[in-house]
All heavy atoms as atom14 arrays in JSON, in Angstrom:
{
  "sequence": "GLMAGALTSTPALGAITESTEQTASVAVGFGVAYPIGIVVVVVFVQLA",
  "atom14_mask": [
    [1, 1, 1, 1, 0, 0, 0, 0, 0, 0, 0, 0, 0, 0],
    [1, 1, 1, 1, 1, 1, 1, 1, 0, 0, 0, 0, 0, 0],
    [1, 1, 1, 1, 1, 1, 1, 1, 0, 0, 0, 0, 0, 0],
    [1, 1, 1, 1, 1, 0, 0, 0, 0, 0, 0, 0, 0, 0],
    [1, 1, 1, 1, 0, 0, 0, 0, 0, 0, 0, 0, 0, 0],
    [1, 1, 1, 1, 1, 0, 0, 0, 0, 0, 0, 0, 0, 0],
    [1, 1, 1, 1, 1, 1, 1, 1, 0, 0, 0, 0, 0, 0],
    [1, 1, 1, 1, 1, 1, 1, 0, 0, 0, 0, 0, 0, 0],
    [1, 1, 1, 1, 1, 1, 0, 0, 0, 0, 0, 0, 0, 0],
    [1, 1, 1, 1, 1, 1, 1, 0, 0, 0, 0, 0, 0, 0],
    [1, 1, 1, 1, 1, 1, 1, 0, 0, 0, 0, 0, 0, 0],
    [1, 1, 1, 1, 1, 0, 0, 0, 0, 0, 0, 0, 0, 0],
    [1, 1, 1, 1, 1, 1, 1, 1, 0, 0, 0, 0, 0, 0],
    [1, 1, 1, 1, 0, 0, 0, 0, 0, 0, 0, 0, 0, 0],
    [1, 1, 1, 1, 1, 0, 0, 0, 0, 0, 0, 0, 0, 0],
    [1, 1, 1, 1, 1, 1, 1, 1, 0, 0, 0, 0, 0, 0],
    [1, 1, 1, 1, 1, 1, 1, 0, 0, 0, 0, 0, 0, 0],
    [1, 1, 1, 1, 1, 1, 1, 1, 1, 0, 0, 0, 0, 0],
    [1, 1, 1, 1, 1, 1, 0, 0, 0, 0, 0, 0, 0, 0],
    [1, 1, 1, 1, 1, 1, 1, 0, 0, 0, 0, 0, 0, 0],
    [1, 1, 1, 1, 1, 1, 1, 1, 1, 0, 0, 0, 0, 0],
    [1, 1, 1, 1, 1, 1, 1, 1, 1, 0, 0, 0, 0, 0],
    [1, 1, 1, 1, 1, 1, 1, 0, 0, 0, 0, 0, 0, 0],
    [1, 1, 1, 1, 1, 0, 0, 0, 0, 0, 0, 0, 0, 0],
    [1, 1, 1, 1, 1, 1, 0, 0, 0, 0, 0, 0, 0, 0],
    [1, 1, 1, 1, 1, 1, 1, 0, 0, 0, 0, 0, 0, 0],
    [1, 1, 1, 1, 1, 0, 0, 0, 0, 0, 0, 0, 0, 0],
    [1, 1, 1, 1, 1, 1, 1, 0, 0, 0, 0, 0, 0, 0],
    [1, 1, 1, 1, 0, 0, 0, 0, 0, 0, 0, 0, 0, 0],
    [1, 1, 1, 1, 1, 1, 1, 1, 1, 1, 1, 0, 0, 0],
    [1, 1, 1, 1, 0, 0, 0, 0, 0, 0, 0, 0, 0, 0],
    [1, 1, 1, 1, 1, 1, 1, 0, 0, 0, 0, 0, 0, 0],
    [1, 1, 1, 1, 1, 0, 0, 0, 0, 0, 0, 0, 0, 0],
    [1, 1, 1, 1, 1, 1, 1, 1, 1, 1, 1, 1, 0, 0],
    [1, 1, 1, 1, 1, 1, 1, 0, 0, 0, 0, 0, 0, 0],
    [1, 1, 1, 1, 1, 1, 1, 1, 0, 0, 0, 0, 0, 0],
    [1, 1, 1, 1, 0, 0, 0, 0, 0, 0, 0, 0, 0, 0],
    [1, 1, 1, 1, 1, 1, 1, 1, 0, 0, 0, 0, 0, 0],
    [1, 1, 1, 1, 1, 1, 1, 0, 0, 0, 0, 0, 0, 0],
    [1, 1, 1, 1, 1, 1, 1, 0, 0, 0, 0, 0, 0, 0],
    [1, 1, 1, 1, 1, 1, 1, 0, 0, 0, 0, 0, 0, 0],
    [1, 1, 1, 1, 1, 1, 1, 0, 0, 0, 0, 0, 0, 0],
    [1, 1, 1, 1, 1, 1, 1, 0, 0, 0, 0, 0, 0, 0],
    [1, 1, 1, 1, 1, 1, 1, 1, 1, 1, 1, 0, 0, 0],
    [1, 1, 1, 1, 1, 1, 1, 0, 0, 0, 0, 0, 0, 0],
    [1, 1, 1, 1, 1, 1, 1, 1, 1, 0, 0, 0, 0, 0],
    [1, 1, 1, 1, 1, 1, 1, 1, 0, 0, 0, 0, 0, 0],
    [1, 1, 1, 1, 1, 0, 0, 0, 0, 0, 0, 0, 0, 0]
  ],
  "atom14_positions": [
    [[3.71, 12.92, -1.81], [3.46, 13.1, -0.34], [2.02, 13.28, -0.12], [1.55, 12.8, 1.04], [0.0, 0.0, 0.0], [0.0, 0.0, 0.0], [0.0, 0.0, 0.0], [0.0, 0.0, 0.0], [0.0, 0.0, 0.0], [0.0, 0.0, 0.0], [0.0, 0.0, 0.0], [0.0, 0.0, 0.0], [0.0, 0.0, 0.0], [0.0, 0.0, 0.0]],
    [[1.23, 13.82, -0.95], [-0.2, 13.91, -0.73], [-0.92, 12.51, -0.61], [-1.73, 12.26, 0.24], [-0.83, 14.66, -1.91], [-0.66, 16.21, -1.88], [-1.06, 16.79, -3.19], [-1.32, 16.86, -0.77], [0.0, 0.0, 0.0], [0.0, 0.0, 0.0], [0.0, 0.0, 0.0], [0.0, 0.0, 0.0], [0.0, 0.0, 0.0], [0.0, 0.0, 0.0]],
    [[-0.48, 11.57, -1.51], [-0.98, 10.25, -1.44], [-0.55, 9.56, -0.3], [-1.45, 8.92, 0.51], [-0.48, 9.45, -2.66], [-0.93, 7.95, -2.56], [-0.25, 7.04, -3.97], [-0.68, 5.35, -3.49], [0.0, 0.0, 0.0], [0.0, 0.0, 0.0], [0.0, 0.0, 0.0], [0.0, 0.0, 0.0], [0.0, 0.0, 0.0], [0.0, 0.0, 0.0]],
    [[0.65, 9.67, 0.15], [1.03, 9.02, 1.42], [0.32, 9.64, 2.74], [-0.11, 8.78, 3.61], [2.57, 9.23, 1.7], [0.0, 0.0, 0.0], [0.0, 0.0, 0.0], [0.0, 0.0, 0.0], [0.0, 0.0, 0.0], [0.0, 0.0, 0.0], [0.0, 0.0, 0.0], [0.0, 0.0, 0.0], [0.0, 0.0, 0.0], [0.0, 0.0, 0.0]],
    [[0.14, 10.98, 2.72], [-0.54, 11.6, 3.86], [-2.05, 11.26, 3.86], [-2.58, 10.99, 4.88], [0.0, 0.0, 0.0], [0.0, 0.0, 0.0], [0.0, 0.0, 0.0], [0.0, 0.0, 0.0], [0.0, 0.0, 0.0], [0.0, 0.0, 0.0], [0.0, 0.0, 0.0], [0.0, 0.0, 0.0], [0.0, 0.0, 0.0], [0.0, 0.0, 0.0]],
    [[-2.55, 11.21, 2.67], [-4.13, 10.96, 2.54], [-4.42, 9.58, 3.16], [-5.5, 9.32, 3.66], [-4.64, 11.15, 1.21], [0.0, 0.0, 0.0], [0.0, 0.0, 0.0], [0.0, 0.0, 0.0], [0.0, 0.0, 0.0], [0.0, 0.0, 0.0], [0.0, 0.0, 0.0], [0.0, 0.0, 0.0], [0.0, 0.0, 0.0], [0.0, 0.0, 0.0]],
    [[-3.46, 8.62, 2.79], [-3.64, 7.25, 3.27], [-2.93, 6.94, 4.63], [-2.64, 5.81, 4.96], [-3.18, 6.17, 2.23], [-3.94, 6.32, 0.89], [-3.35, 5.25, -0.14], [-5.44, 6.11, 1.16], [0.0, 0.0, 0.0], [0.0, 0.0, 0.0], [0.0, 0.0, 0.0], [0.0, 0.0, 0.0], [0.0, 0.0, 0.0], [0.0, 0.0, 0.0]],
    [[-2.53, 8.0, 5.23], [-1.89, 8.07, 6.57], [-0.72, 6.99, 6.69], [-0.65, 6.3, 7.73], [-2.98, 7.81, 7.72], [-3.54, 6.59, 7.52], [-3.93, 9.07, 7.73], [0.0, 0.0, 0.0], [0.0, 0.0, 0.0], [0.0, 0.0, 0.0], [0.0, 0.0, 0.0], [0.0, 0.0, 0.0], [0.0, 0.0, 0.0], [0.0, 0.0, 0.0]],
    [[0.05, 6.96, 5.66], [1.13, 5.86, 5.62], [2.5, 6.57, 5.66], [3.03, 7.04, 4.85], [1.06, 5.11, 4.38], [2.05, 4.14, 4.2], [0.0, 0.0, 0.0], [0.0, 0.0, 0.0], [0.0, 0.0, 0.0], [0.0, 0.0, 0.0], [0.0, 0.0, 0.0], [0.0, 0.0, 0.0], [0.0, 0.0, 0.0], [0.0, 0.0, 0.0]],
    [[3.08, 6.5, 6.96], [4.43, 7.01, 7.13], [5.47, 6.12, 6.45], [6.5, 6.68, 6.07], [4.84, 7.08, 8.63], [4.23, 6.02, 9.37], [4.16, 8.27, 9.24], [0.0, 0.0, 0.0], [0.0, 0.0, 0.0], [0.0, 0.0, 0.0], [0.0, 0.0, 0.0], [0.0, 0.0, 0.0], [0.0, 0.0, 0.0], [0.0, 0.0, 0.0]],
    [[5.27, 4.72, 6.27], [6.28, 3.93, 5.53], [6.26, 4.46, 4.06], [7.43, 4.43, 3.42], [5.77, 2.52, 5.59], [4.97, 2.43, 6.86], [4.37, 3.87, 7.03], [0.0, 0.0, 0.0], [0.0, 0.0, 0.0], [0.0, 0.0, 0.0], [0.0, 0.0, 0.0], [0.0, 0.0, 0.0], [0.0, 0.0, 0.0], [0.0, 0.0, 0.0]],
    [[5.24, 4.91, 3.47], [5.12, 5.4, 2.13], [5.88, 6.69, 2.06], [6.65, 6.92, 1.05], [3.73, 5.45, 1.63], [0.0, 0.0, 0.0], [0.0, 0.0, 0.0], [0.0, 0.0, 0.0], [0.0, 0.0, 0.0], [0.0, 0.0, 0.0], [0.0, 0.0, 0.0], [0.0, 0.0, 0.0], [0.0, 0.0, 0.0], [0.0, 0.0, 0.0]],
    [[5.64, 7.65, 3.12], [6.47, 8.82, 3.15], [7.99, 8.51, 3.12], [8.77, 9.13, 2.45], [6.06, 9.62, 4.43], [6.97, 10.82, 4.71], [6.74, 11.81, 3.68], [6.58, 11.24, 6.1], [0.0, 0.0, 0.0], [0.0, 0.0, 0.0], [0.0, 0.0, 0.0], [0.0, 0.0, 0.0], [0.0, 0.0, 0.0], [0.0, 0.0, 0.0]],
    [[8.39, 7.56, 3.96], [9.84, 7.22, 3.99], [10.31, 6.77, 2.67], [11.4, 7.09, 2.18], [0.0, 0.0, 0.0], [0.0, 0.0, 0.0], [0.0, 0.0, 0.0], [0.0, 0.0, 0.0], [0.0, 0.0, 0.0], [0.0, 0.0, 0.0], [0.0, 0.0, 0.0], [0.0, 0.0, 0.0], [0.0, 0.0, 0.0], [0.0, 0.0, 0.0]],
    [[9.52, 5.83, 1.93], [10.03, 5.22, 0.7], [10.11, 6.36, -0.28], [11.1, 6.3, -1.13], [8.88, 4.21, 0.21], [0.0, 0.0, 0.0], [0.0, 0.0, 0.0], [0.0, 0.0, 0.0], [0.0, 0.0, 0.0], [0.0, 0.0, 0.0], [0.0, 0.0, 0.0], [0.0, 0.0, 0.0], [0.0, 0.0, 0.0], [0.0, 0.0, 0.0]],
    [[9.25, 7.35, -0.36], [9.39, 8.49, -1.44], [10.52, 9.28, -1.07], [11.3, 9.73, -1.98], [7.97, 9.21, -1.39], [6.82, 8.28, -1.83], [8.17, 10.37, -2.31], [5.48, 9.1, -1.6], [0.0, 0.0, 0.0], [0.0, 0.0, 0.0], [0.0, 0.0, 0.0], [0.0, 0.0, 0.0], [0.0, 0.0, 0.0], [0.0, 0.0, 0.0]],
    [[10.68, 9.68, 0.22], [11.7, 10.6, 0.64], [13.01, 10.0, 0.32], [13.91, 10.66, -0.13], [11.54, 10.92, 2.16], [10.41, 11.42, 2.47], [12.7, 11.8, 2.54], [0.0, 0.0, 0.0], [0.0, 0.0, 0.0], [0.0, 0.0, 0.0], [0.0, 0.0, 0.0], [0.0, 0.0, 0.0], [0.0, 0.0, 0.0], [0.0, 0.0, 0.0]],
    [[13.16, 8.69, 0.45], [14.48, 8.02, 0.27], [14.81, 7.86, -1.24], [15.91, 7.82, -1.6], [14.48, 6.62, 0.83], [15.83, 5.99, 1.06], [16.08, 5.12, -0.22], [15.17, 4.69, -0.77], [17.3, 4.96, -0.52], [0.0, 0.0, 0.0], [0.0, 0.0, 0.0], [0.0, 0.0, 0.0], [0.0, 0.0, 0.0], [0.0, 0.0, 0.0]],
    [[13.73, 8.05, -2.16], [14.0, 7.76, -3.55], [14.09, 8.94, -4.29], [14.21, 8.92, -5.57], [12.85, 6.89, -4.07], [11.59, 7.48, -3.94], [0.0, 0.0, 0.0], [0.0, 0.0, 0.0], [0.0, 0.0, 0.0], [0.0, 0.0, 0.0], [0.0, 0.0, 0.0], [0.0, 0.0, 0.0], [0.0, 0.0, 0.0], [0.0, 0.0, 0.0]],
    [[13.9, 10.17, -3.71], [13.9, 11.44, -4.46], [14.87, 12.51, -3.79], [15.05, 12.34, -2.58], [12.53, 11.97, -4.6], [12.57, 13.23, -5.36], [11.91, 12.28, -3.27], [0.0, 0.0, 0.0], [0.0, 0.0, 0.0], [0.0, 0.0, 0.0], [0.0, 0.0, 0.0], [0.0, 0.0, 0.0], [0.0, 0.0, 0.0], [0.0, 0.0, 0.0]],
    [[15.24, 13.48, -4.42], [16.0, 14.63, -3.92], [15.12, 15.72, -3.51], [15.5, 16.52, -2.8], [16.97, 15.05, -4.95], [18.02, 13.97, -5.24], [19.07, 14.49, -6.31], [18.93, 15.76, -6.73], [20.07, 13.75, -6.66], [0.0, 0.0, 0.0], [0.0, 0.0, 0.0], [0.0, 0.0, 0.0], [0.0, 0.0, 0.0], [0.0, 0.0, 0.0]],
    [[13.81, 15.78, -4.01], [13.0, 16.83, -3.68], [12.16, 16.51, -2.34], [10.87, 16.42, -2.43], [11.99, 17.14, -4.88], [12.74, 17.35, -6.12], [13.46, 18.7, -6.12], [13.06, 19.69, -5.43], [14.54, 18.64, -6.8], [0.0, 0.0, 0.0], [0.0, 0.0, 0.0], [0.0, 0.0, 0.0], [0.0, 0.0, 0.0], [0.0, 0.0, 0.0]],
    [[12.9, 16.38, -1.36], [12.24, 15.89, -0.03], [11.33, 16.88, 0.52], [10.31, 16.66, 1.3], [13.33, 15.41, 1.0], [14.17, 16.7, 1.16], [14.24, 14.34, 0.52], [0.0, 0.0, 0.0], [0.0, 0.0, 0.0], [0.0, 0.0, 0.0], [0.0, 0.0, 0.0], [0.0, 0.0, 0.0], [0.0, 0.0, 0.0], [0.0, 0.0, 0.0]],
    [[11.46, 18.18, 0.34], [10.73, 19.24, 0.78], [9.25, 19.12, 0.38], [8.25, 19.19, 1.18], [11.3, 20.62, 0.47], [0.0, 0.0, 0.0], [0.0, 0.0, 0.0], [0.0, 0.0, 0.0], [0.0, 0.0, 0.0], [0.0, 0.0, 0.0], [0.0, 0.0, 0.0], [0.0, 0.0, 0.0], [0.0, 0.0, 0.0], [0.0, 0.0, 0.0]],
    [[9.05, 18.93, -0.9], [7.75, 18.79, -1.53], [7.05, 17.61, -1.0], [5.93, 17.66, -0.75], [7.76, 18.69, -2.99], [8.29, 19.94, -3.57], [0.0, 0.0, 0.0], [0.0, 0.0, 0.0], [0.0, 0.0, 0.0], [0.0, 0.0, 0.0], [0.0, 0.0, 0.0], [0.0, 0.0, 0.0], [0.0, 0.0, 0.0], [0.0, 0.0, 0.0]],
    [[7.78, 16.44, -0.77], [7.18, 15.26, -0.27], [6.69, 15.57, 1.15], [5.46, 15.14, 1.46], [8.15, 14.1, -0.24], [7.54, 12.85, 0.35], [8.64, 13.86, -1.58], [0.0, 0.0, 0.0], [0.0, 0.0, 0.0], [0.0, 0.0, 0.0], [0.0, 0.0, 0.0], [0.0, 0.0, 0.0], [0.0, 0.0, 0.0], [0.0, 0.0, 0.0]],
    [[7.42, 16.09, 1.95], [6.98, 16.35, 3.39], [5.88, 17.38, 3.44], [4.94, 17.12, 4.23], [8.23, 16.91, 4.16], [0.0, 0.0, 0.0], [0.0, 0.0, 0.0], [0.0, 0.0, 0.0], [0.0, 0.0, 0.0], [0.0, 0.0, 0.0], [0.0, 0.0, 0.0], [0.0, 0.0, 0.0], [0.0, 0.0, 0.0], [0.0, 0.0, 0.0]],
    [[5.9, 18.37, 2.67], [4.84, 19.34, 2.69], [3.57, 18.69, 2.23], [2.49, 18.88, 2.85], [5.05, 20.57, 1.81], [3.95, 21.43, 1.63], [6.36, 21.28, 2.35], [0.0, 0.0, 0.0], [0.0, 0.0, 0.0], [0.0, 0.0, 0.0], [0.0, 0.0, 0.0], [0.0, 0.0, 0.0], [0.0, 0.0, 0.0], [0.0, 0.0, 0.0]],
    [[3.5, 17.86, 1.13], [2.35, 17.22, 0.75], [1.82, 16.27, 1.72], [0.54, 16.2, 2.04], [0.0, 0.0, 0.0], [0.0, 0.0, 0.0], [0.0, 0.0, 0.0], [0.0, 0.0, 0.0], [0.0, 0.0, 0.0], [0.0, 0.0, 0.0], [0.0, 0.0, 0.0], [0.0, 0.0, 0.0], [0.0, 0.0, 0.0], [0.0, 0.0, 0.0]],
    [[2.62, 15.61, 2.45], [2.32, 14.69, 3.59], [1.72, 15.45, 4.63], [0.59, 15.05, 5.25], [3.36, 13.89, 3.97], [3.09, 12.79, 5.0], [2.84, 11.57, 4.64], [3.09, 13.16, 6.39], [2.41, 10.58, 5.58], [2.78, 12.18, 7.31], [2.46, 10.9, 6.9], [0.0, 0.0, 0.0], [0.0, 0.0, 0.0], [0.0, 0.0, 0.0]],
    [[2.23, 16.53, 5.02], [1.85, 17.44, 6.21], [0.36, 17.99, 5.86], [-0.3, 18.1, 6.81], [0.0, 0.0, 0.0], [0.0, 0.0, 0.0], [0.0, 0.0, 0.0], [0.0, 0.0, 0.0], [0.0, 0.0, 0.0], [0.0, 0.0, 0.0], [0.0, 0.0, 0.0], [0.0, 0.0, 0.0], [0.0, 0.0, 0.0], [0.0, 0.0, 0.0]],
    [[0.19, 18.35, 4.64], [-1.13, 18.88, 4.33], [-2.24, 17.77, 4.36], [-3.27, 18.06, 4.86], [-1.13, 19.56, 3.0], [-2.53, 20.0, 2.44], [-0.23, 20.75, 3.0], [0.0, 0.0, 0.0], [0.0, 0.0, 0.0], [0.0, 0.0, 0.0], [0.0, 0.0, 0.0], [0.0, 0.0, 0.0], [0.0, 0.0, 0.0], [0.0, 0.0, 0.0]],
    [[-1.91, 16.58, 3.79], [-2.91, 15.56, 3.64], [-3.13, 14.72, 4.86], [-4.26, 14.17, 5.0], [-2.57, 14.67, 2.41], [0.0, 0.0, 0.0], [0.0, 0.0, 0.0], [0.0, 0.0, 0.0], [0.0, 0.0, 0.0], [0.0, 0.0, 0.0], [0.0, 0.0, 0.0], [0.0, 0.0, 0.0], [0.0, 0.0, 0.0], [0.0, 0.0, 0.0]],
    [[-2.13, 14.52, 5.68], [-2.28, 13.63, 6.88], [-3.5, 13.97, 7.72], [-4.27, 13.14, 7.98], [-0.94, 13.55, 7.63], [-0.96, 12.55, 8.69], [-0.62, 11.25, 8.4], [-1.21, 12.89, 9.94], [-0.55, 10.3, 9.47], [-1.18, 11.95, 11.1], [-0.83, 10.62, 10.78], [-0.82, 9.71, 11.84], [0.0, 0.0, 0.0], [0.0, 0.0, 0.0]],
    [[-3.62, 15.25, 8.21], [-4.81, 15.44, 9.08], [-6.11, 15.26, 8.37], [-7.03, 14.8, 8.95], [-4.64, 16.97, 9.46], [-3.09, 17.18, 9.16], [-2.77, 16.38, 8.01], [0.0, 0.0, 0.0], [0.0, 0.0, 0.0], [0.0, 0.0, 0.0], [0.0, 0.0, 0.0], [0.0, 0.0, 0.0], [0.0, 0.0, 0.0], [0.0, 0.0, 0.0]],
    [[-6.04, 15.6, 7.1], [-7.31, 15.4, 6.3], [-7.6, 13.89, 6.17], [-8.86, 13.43, 6.38], [-7.27, 15.93, 4.87], [-7.11, 17.43, 5.05], [-8.31, 15.56, 3.99], [-6.69, 18.15, 3.64], [0.0, 0.0, 0.0], [0.0, 0.0, 0.0], [0.0, 0.0, 0.0], [0.0, 0.0, 0.0], [0.0, 0.0, 0.0], [0.0, 0.0, 0.0]],
    [[-6.52, 13.02, 6.05], [-6.88, 11.62, 6.05], [-7.32, 11.02, 7.21], [-8.25, 10.18, 7.22], [0.0, 0.0, 0.0], [0.0, 0.0, 0.0], [0.0, 0.0, 0.0], [0.0, 0.0, 0.0], [0.0, 0.0, 0.0], [0.0, 0.0, 0.0], [0.0, 0.0, 0.0], [0.0, 0.0, 0.0], [0.0, 0.0, 0.0], [0.0, 0.0, 0.0]],
    [[-6.86, 11.61, 8.4], [-7.49, 11.11, 9.71], [-8.87, 11.52, 9.86], [-9.77, 10.65, 10.28], [-6.53, 11.7, 10.78], [-5.04, 11.07, 10.73], [-7.21, 11.36, 12.22], [-4.14, 11.54, 11.93], [0.0, 0.0, 0.0], [0.0, 0.0, 0.0], [0.0, 0.0, 0.0], [0.0, 0.0, 0.0], [0.0, 0.0, 0.0], [0.0, 0.0, 0.0]],
    [[-9.15, 12.88, 9.68], [-10.46, 13.28, 9.99], [-11.54, 12.68, 9.12], [-12.63, 12.31, 9.72], [-10.47, 14.82, 9.8], [-11.89, 15.46, 10.08], [-9.65, 15.42, 10.91], [0.0, 0.0, 0.0], [0.0, 0.0, 0.0], [0.0, 0.0, 0.0], [0.0, 0.0, 0.0], [0.0, 0.0, 0.0], [0.0, 0.0, 0.0], [0.0, 0.0, 0.0]],
    [[-11.32, 12.64, 7.93], [-12.27, 12.13, 7.01], [-12.68, 10.71, 7.26], [-13.9, 10.22, 7.29], [-11.87, 12.19, 5.45], [-12.79, 11.47, 4.54], [-11.75, 13.62, 5.07], [0.0, 0.0, 0.0], [0.0, 0.0, 0.0], [0.0, 0.0, 0.0], [0.0, 0.0, 0.0], [0.0, 0.0, 0.0], [0.0, 0.0, 0.0], [0.0, 0.0, 0.0]],
    [[-11.67, 9.75, 7.45], [-11.94, 8.39, 7.79], [-12.79, 8.28, 9.19], [-13.66, 7.48, 9.27], [-10.69, 7.59, 7.76], [-11.01, 6.12, 8.26], [-10.04, 7.53, 6.47], [0.0, 0.0, 0.0], [0.0, 0.0, 0.0], [0.0, 0.0, 0.0], [0.0, 0.0, 0.0], [0.0, 0.0, 0.0], [0.0, 0.0, 0.0], [0.0, 0.0, 0.0]],
    [[-12.33, 9.1, 10.19], [-12.99, 8.97, 11.45], [-14.36, 9.42, 11.31], [-15.28, 8.72, 11.87], [-12.24, 9.74, 12.57], [-13.01, 9.91, 13.77], [-10.91, 9.27, 12.75], [0.0, 0.0, 0.0], [0.0, 0.0, 0.0], [0.0, 0.0, 0.0], [0.0, 0.0, 0.0], [0.0, 0.0, 0.0], [0.0, 0.0, 0.0], [0.0, 0.0, 0.0]],
    [[-14.65, 10.55, 10.65], [-16.02, 11.03, 10.48], [-16.91, 10.0, 9.74], [-18.05, 9.72, 10.04], [-15.92, 12.38, 9.86], [-17.49, 12.86, 9.43], [-15.37, 13.49, 10.74], [0.0, 0.0, 0.0], [0.0, 0.0, 0.0], [0.0, 0.0, 0.0], [0.0, 0.0, 0.0], [0.0, 0.0, 0.0], [0.0, 0.0, 0.0], [0.0, 0.0, 0.0]],
    [[-16.34, 9.49, 8.72], [-17.04, 8.48, 7.88], [-17.43, 7.26, 8.73], [-18.62, 6.87, 8.68], [-16.14, 8.05, 6.68], [-16.75, 6.88, 5.88], [-17.8, 7.17, 4.95], [-16.38, 5.59, 6.13], [-18.36, 6.13, 4.18], [-16.92, 4.55, 5.35], [-17.88, 4.84, 4.44], [0.0, 0.0, 0.0], [0.0, 0.0, 0.0], [0.0, 0.0, 0.0]],
    [[-16.58, 6.71, 9.55], [-16.88, 5.64, 10.36], [-17.93, 5.96, 11.37], [-18.93, 5.21, 11.62], [-15.55, 5.19, 11.14], [-15.89, 4.22, 12.23], [-14.58, 4.53, 10.21], [0.0, 0.0, 0.0], [0.0, 0.0, 0.0], [0.0, 0.0, 0.0], [0.0, 0.0, 0.0], [0.0, 0.0, 0.0], [0.0, 0.0, 0.0], [0.0, 0.0, 0.0]],
    [[-17.9, 7.22, 12.04], [-18.8, 7.57, 13.01], [-20.3, 7.74, 12.32], [-21.16, 7.26, 12.86], [-18.4, 8.81, 13.69], [-17.2, 8.7, 14.54], [-16.72, 9.87, 15.14], [-16.95, 10.86, 14.67], [-15.92, 9.81, 16.18], [0.0, 0.0, 0.0], [0.0, 0.0, 0.0], [0.0, 0.0, 0.0], [0.0, 0.0, 0.0], [0.0, 0.0, 0.0]],
    [[-20.29, 8.31, 11.1], [-21.51, 8.44, 10.37], [-22.18, 7.06, 9.96], [-23.37, 6.76, 10.02], [-21.41, 9.35, 9.19], [-21.22, 10.81, 9.52], [-20.88, 11.66, 8.19], [-22.31, 11.46, 10.23], [0.0, 0.0, 0.0], [0.0, 0.0, 0.0], [0.0, 0.0, 0.0], [0.0, 0.0, 0.0], [0.0, 0.0, 0.0], [0.0, 0.0, 0.0]],
    [[-21.2, 6.14, 9.56], [-21.75, 4.89, 9.13], [-22.34, 4.05, 10.18], [-23.34, 3.38, 10.08], [-20.58, 4.14, 8.43], [0.0, 0.0, 0.0], [0.0, 0.0, 0.0], [0.0, 0.0, 0.0], [0.0, 0.0, 0.0], [0.0, 0.0, 0.0], [0.0, 0.0, 0.0], [0.0, 0.0, 0.0], [0.0, 0.0, 0.0], [0.0, 0.0, 0.0]]
  ]
}
């Protein structure tokens, strides 16, 4: 979930969720990482 969120990939979130029974952990990891993935890339682009 952290990897899918960090790379802001909802298809990856869906693929993991569908392949495991521990969906709660996947969604929580995605929820934590997704905003970080957005902010870091945007800030990096603006600085570059």
